[in-house]
Every structure is written in structure tokens, then in C-alpha cells.
């Protein structure tokens, strides 16, 4: 069916939908869904704005270059560890 985050299974989703239908009635569900969609869109837009501001600030202060260099170094170290093979620990 659908993949719902937060480790909620299909059975739980159906149970929640059943409770929503019983509490609000089937005629209110489209209105509730529209309201939730608006809230989700607002949160997504706010999150994107925050990400853009952080990226812009990082670029202005020169952190982006440092982050890219650190990422490259991490990848090089990871490759070196993988090339070395498995490491056995003796306890």
C-alpha cells in the first residue's frame, strides 16, 4: 500500500483512518485533508527557506569550501579503510 514514516504499519494506518471516519464523519475528511495539505506545504516551504538561508550564510562565510574538503577527506579515508580489508579484533 503506502510507505508511512515513523514505523507505522499498514494495520495502524487503517485503524487511524477508521477512527478519523468515526470521529469526524466521511463528509469532513476532504476538508481535513485539504487543511493538512496546506499545513504540510507551509512546513515544507519554511524548511526550504531555512535550508536556503543556512546555505547562503555558509557560502558568505566560506564554510562551503571547508565542508567540501572535509567530505572529500572522509571519502578518501573510507576508501583507504575499505582497501585495507577487514580488520580483526582480538579481545
N, C-alpha and C. Protein backbone atom coordinates (compact mmCIF):
# COMPACT_ATOMS: atom_id res chain seq x y z
N UNK A 1 0.84 -1.18 0.00
CA UNK A 1 0.00 0.00 0.00
C UNK A 1 0.88 1.24 0.00
N UNK A 2 1.01 1.91 1.11
CA UNK A 2 1.84 3.11 1.15
C UNK A 2 2.90 2.97 2.23
N UNK A 3 4.00 3.64 2.02
CA UNK A 3 5.10 3.59 2.98
C UNK A 3 5.00 4.81 3.87
N UNK A 4 4.57 4.62 5.10
CA UNK A 4 4.38 5.71 6.04
C UNK A 4 5.58 5.75 6.97
N UNK A 5 6.21 6.93 7.12
CA UNK A 5 7.37 7.01 8.00
C UNK A 5 6.99 6.82 9.47
N UNK A 6 7.96 6.82 10.31
CA UNK A 6 7.81 6.69 11.76
C UNK A 6 7.40 5.28 12.17
N UNK A 7 7.71 4.29 11.34
CA UNK A 7 7.50 2.89 11.66
C UNK A 7 6.03 2.57 11.94
N UNK A 8 5.12 3.19 11.21
CA UNK A 8 3.70 2.88 11.33
C UNK A 8 3.37 1.87 10.25
N UNK A 9 2.78 0.76 10.64
CA UNK A 9 2.44 -0.28 9.68
C UNK A 9 1.09 -0.03 9.03
N UNK A 10 0.77 -0.87 8.08
CA UNK A 10 -0.48 -0.75 7.34
C UNK A 10 -1.68 -0.90 8.26
N UNK A 11 -1.62 -1.84 9.19
CA UNK A 11 -2.73 -2.05 10.12
C UNK A 11 -3.00 -0.80 10.95
N UNK A 12 -1.93 -0.17 11.43
CA UNK A 12 -2.10 1.04 12.22
C UNK A 12 -2.70 2.18 11.41
N UNK A 13 -2.29 2.28 10.13
CA UNK A 13 -2.83 3.33 9.26
C UNK A 13 -4.33 3.12 9.07
N UNK A 14 -4.76 1.89 8.81
CA UNK A 14 -6.18 1.61 8.65
C UNK A 14 -6.95 1.91 9.92
N UNK A 15 -6.38 1.57 11.06
CA UNK A 15 -7.03 1.84 12.34
C UNK A 15 -7.19 3.34 12.56
N UNK A 16 -6.16 4.10 12.26
CA UNK A 16 -6.23 5.56 12.41
C UNK A 16 -7.28 6.13 11.48
N UNK A 17 -7.31 5.67 10.22
CA UNK A 17 -8.32 6.14 9.28
C UNK A 17 -9.73 5.80 9.75
N UNK A 18 -9.92 4.61 10.31
CA UNK A 18 -11.22 4.22 10.83
C UNK A 18 -11.65 5.15 11.96
N UNK A 19 -10.74 5.46 12.87
CA UNK A 19 -11.05 6.36 13.98
C UNK A 19 -11.39 7.75 13.45
N UNK A 20 -10.64 8.23 12.45
CA UNK A 20 -10.92 9.54 11.87
C UNK A 20 -12.31 9.57 11.26
N UNK A 21 -12.68 8.52 10.52
CA UNK A 21 -14.01 8.47 9.91
C UNK A 21 -15.09 8.43 10.98
N UNK A 22 -14.88 7.65 12.04
CA UNK A 22 -15.89 7.56 13.10
C UNK A 22 -16.03 8.88 13.86
N UNK A 23 -14.92 9.58 14.10
CA UNK A 23 -14.96 10.81 14.90
C UNK A 23 -15.49 11.98 14.08
N UNK A 24 -14.98 12.16 12.87
CA UNK A 24 -15.31 13.35 12.09
C UNK A 24 -16.41 13.10 11.05
N UNK A 25 -16.63 11.89 10.67
CA UNK A 25 -17.61 11.61 9.63
C UNK A 25 -16.97 11.70 8.25
N UNK A 26 -17.54 10.97 7.32
CA UNK A 26 -16.94 10.90 5.98
C UNK A 26 -17.03 12.21 5.21
N UNK A 27 -18.00 13.06 5.55
CA UNK A 27 -18.14 14.31 4.82
C UNK A 27 -17.09 15.35 5.20
N UNK A 28 -16.45 15.21 6.35
CA UNK A 28 -15.43 16.17 6.79
C UNK A 28 -14.01 15.79 6.38
N UNK A 29 -13.81 14.56 5.93
CA UNK A 29 -12.47 14.08 5.61
C UNK A 29 -11.79 14.88 4.50
N UNK A 30 -12.47 15.22 3.40
CA UNK A 30 -11.79 16.03 2.37
C UNK A 30 -11.34 17.40 2.90
N UNK A 31 -12.17 18.01 3.74
CA UNK A 31 -11.80 19.30 4.33
C UNK A 31 -10.58 19.16 5.24
N UNK A 32 -10.55 18.11 6.04
CA UNK A 32 -9.41 17.86 6.92
C UNK A 32 -8.16 17.59 6.09
N UNK A 33 -8.30 16.81 5.01
CA UNK A 33 -7.15 16.50 4.15
C UNK A 33 -6.59 17.77 3.51
N UNK A 34 -7.48 18.66 3.06
CA UNK A 34 -7.00 19.92 2.47
C UNK A 34 -6.26 20.75 3.51
N UNK A 35 -6.78 20.80 4.71
CA UNK A 35 -6.12 21.55 5.78
C UNK A 35 -4.74 20.98 6.10
N UNK A 36 -4.66 19.65 6.17
CA UNK A 36 -3.36 19.01 6.43
C UNK A 36 -2.39 19.26 5.29
N UNK A 37 -2.89 19.25 4.06
CA UNK A 37 -2.02 19.50 2.91
C UNK A 37 -1.47 20.92 2.95
N UNK A 38 -2.31 21.89 3.34
CA UNK A 38 -1.84 23.27 3.46
C UNK A 38 -0.77 23.40 4.53
N UNK A 39 -1.00 22.72 5.66
CA UNK A 39 -0.01 22.76 6.75
C UNK A 39 1.30 22.14 6.30
N UNK A 40 1.22 21.00 5.62
CA UNK A 40 2.44 20.34 5.15
C UNK A 40 3.19 21.20 4.14
N UNK A 41 2.45 21.88 3.26
CA UNK A 41 3.08 22.76 2.28
C UNK A 41 3.77 23.93 2.97
N UNK A 42 3.11 24.50 3.98
CA UNK A 42 3.70 25.61 4.73
C UNK A 42 4.97 25.17 5.44
N UNK A 43 4.93 24.01 6.07
CA UNK A 43 6.12 23.50 6.77
C UNK A 43 7.24 23.22 5.78
N UNK A 44 6.91 22.63 4.62
CA UNK A 44 7.93 22.35 3.60
C UNK A 44 8.56 23.65 3.10
N UNK A 45 7.73 24.65 2.84
CA UNK A 45 8.26 25.94 2.37
C UNK A 45 9.15 26.59 3.43
N UNK A 46 8.73 26.53 4.69
CA UNK A 46 9.53 27.11 5.76
C UNK A 46 10.86 26.36 5.88
N UNK A 47 10.83 25.04 5.76
CA UNK A 47 12.05 24.25 5.83
C UNK A 47 12.99 24.59 4.68
N UNK A 48 12.44 24.73 3.48
CA UNK A 48 13.26 25.10 2.33
C UNK A 48 13.88 26.49 2.52
N UNK A 49 13.10 27.43 3.06
CA UNK A 49 13.63 28.77 3.33
C UNK A 49 14.79 28.73 4.32
N UNK A 50 14.63 27.92 5.37
CA UNK A 50 15.70 27.80 6.37
C UNK A 50 16.94 27.18 5.75
N UNK A 51 16.76 26.12 4.95
CA UNK A 51 17.90 25.49 4.28
C UNK A 51 18.62 26.48 3.38
N UNK A 52 17.84 27.27 2.63
CA UNK A 52 18.45 28.25 1.73
C UNK A 52 19.21 29.32 2.50
N UNK A 53 18.66 29.78 3.62
CA UNK A 53 19.35 30.78 4.43
C UNK A 53 20.65 30.23 5.02
N UNK A 54 20.61 28.99 5.47
CA UNK A 54 21.83 28.36 6.02
C UNK A 54 22.88 28.21 4.94
N UNK A 55 22.47 27.76 3.76
CA UNK A 55 23.41 27.60 2.65
C UNK A 55 23.99 28.95 2.23
N UNK A 56 23.14 29.94 2.16
CA UNK A 56 23.60 31.29 1.79
C UNK A 56 24.60 31.82 2.81
N UNK A 57 24.30 31.65 4.08
CA UNK A 57 25.20 32.11 5.13
C UNK A 57 26.52 31.35 5.10
N UNK A 58 26.45 30.04 4.86
CA UNK A 58 27.66 29.23 4.79
C UNK A 58 28.53 29.68 3.61
N UNK A 59 27.90 29.98 2.48
CA UNK A 59 28.65 30.47 1.31
C UNK A 59 29.31 31.80 1.61
N UNK A 60 28.58 32.70 2.27
CA UNK A 60 29.12 34.03 2.58
C UNK A 60 30.32 33.95 3.51
N UNK A 61 30.32 33.00 4.42
CA UNK A 61 31.40 32.89 5.40
C UNK A 61 32.47 31.89 5.00
N UNK A 62 32.34 31.28 3.82
CA UNK A 62 33.36 30.38 3.31
C UNK A 62 33.33 28.98 3.89
N UNK A 63 32.22 28.61 4.55
CA UNK A 63 32.14 27.28 5.14
C UNK A 63 31.92 26.19 4.10
N UNK A 64 31.34 26.53 2.98
CA UNK A 64 31.03 25.53 1.97
C UNK A 64 32.30 24.87 1.46
N UNK A 65 33.34 25.66 1.24
CA UNK A 65 34.62 25.11 0.78
C UNK A 65 35.19 24.16 1.83
N UNK A 66 35.10 24.56 3.12
CA UNK A 66 35.61 23.71 4.20
C UNK A 66 34.82 22.40 4.29
N UNK A 67 33.52 22.49 4.15
CA UNK A 67 32.68 21.30 4.23
C UNK A 67 32.99 20.35 3.08
N UNK A 68 33.17 20.90 1.89
CA UNK A 68 33.51 20.05 0.74
C UNK A 68 34.86 19.37 0.94
N UNK A 69 35.83 20.08 1.48
CA UNK A 69 37.15 19.50 1.74
C UNK A 69 37.07 18.40 2.79
N UNK A 70 36.30 18.63 3.85
CA UNK A 70 36.13 17.61 4.89
C UNK A 70 35.44 16.38 4.31
N UNK A 71 34.43 16.59 3.49
CA UNK A 71 33.73 15.47 2.86
C UNK A 71 34.67 14.65 1.98
N UNK A 72 35.52 15.33 1.21
CA UNK A 72 36.49 14.62 0.37
C UNK A 72 37.46 13.81 1.22
N UNK A 73 37.91 14.39 2.33
CA UNK A 73 38.84 13.68 3.21
C UNK A 73 38.18 12.46 3.83
N UNK A 74 36.93 12.59 4.22
CA UNK A 74 36.20 11.45 4.78
C UNK A 74 36.08 10.34 3.74
N UNK A 75 35.76 10.70 2.50
CA UNK A 75 35.64 9.70 1.44
C UNK A 75 36.98 9.01 1.19
N UNK A 76 38.09 9.79 1.19
CA UNK A 76 39.41 9.19 0.99
C UNK A 76 39.73 8.21 2.11
N UNK A 77 39.45 8.61 3.35
CA UNK A 77 39.72 7.74 4.50
C UNK A 77 38.87 6.48 4.43
N UNK A 78 37.61 6.64 4.06
CA UNK A 78 36.72 5.49 3.92
C UNK A 78 37.23 4.53 2.85
N UNK A 79 37.70 5.07 1.72
CA UNK A 79 38.26 4.22 0.67
C UNK A 79 39.51 3.50 1.14
N UNK A 80 40.36 4.19 1.89
CA UNK A 80 41.58 3.56 2.40
C UNK A 80 41.25 2.41 3.36
N UNK A 81 40.23 2.62 4.19
CA UNK A 81 39.83 1.56 5.12
C UNK A 81 39.27 0.37 4.36
N UNK A 82 38.45 0.62 3.34
CA UNK A 82 37.91 -0.47 2.54
C UNK A 82 39.00 -1.20 1.78
N UNK A 83 40.03 -0.49 1.31
CA UNK A 83 41.14 -1.11 0.61
C UNK A 83 41.98 -1.97 1.53
N UNK A 84 42.04 -1.61 2.80
CA UNK A 84 42.85 -2.35 3.76
C UNK A 84 42.24 -3.71 4.07
N UNK A 85 40.97 -3.89 3.77
CA UNK A 85 40.31 -5.17 4.03
C UNK A 85 39.70 -5.15 5.42
N UNK A 86 39.23 -6.32 5.81
CA UNK A 86 38.57 -6.40 7.12
C UNK A 86 39.63 -6.39 8.22
N UNK A 87 39.28 -5.76 9.30
CA UNK A 87 40.17 -5.67 10.45
C UNK A 87 39.63 -6.58 11.52
N UNK A 88 40.49 -7.48 12.00
CA UNK A 88 40.07 -8.41 13.06
C UNK A 88 40.50 -7.85 14.39
N UNK A 89 39.62 -7.97 15.34
CA UNK A 89 39.92 -7.53 16.70
C UNK A 89 40.15 -8.75 17.56
N UNK A 90 41.19 -8.70 18.34
CA UNK A 90 41.47 -9.77 19.29
C UNK A 90 41.20 -9.24 20.69
N UNK A 91 40.30 -9.89 21.36
CA UNK A 91 39.98 -9.46 22.72
C UNK A 91 40.59 -10.38 23.72
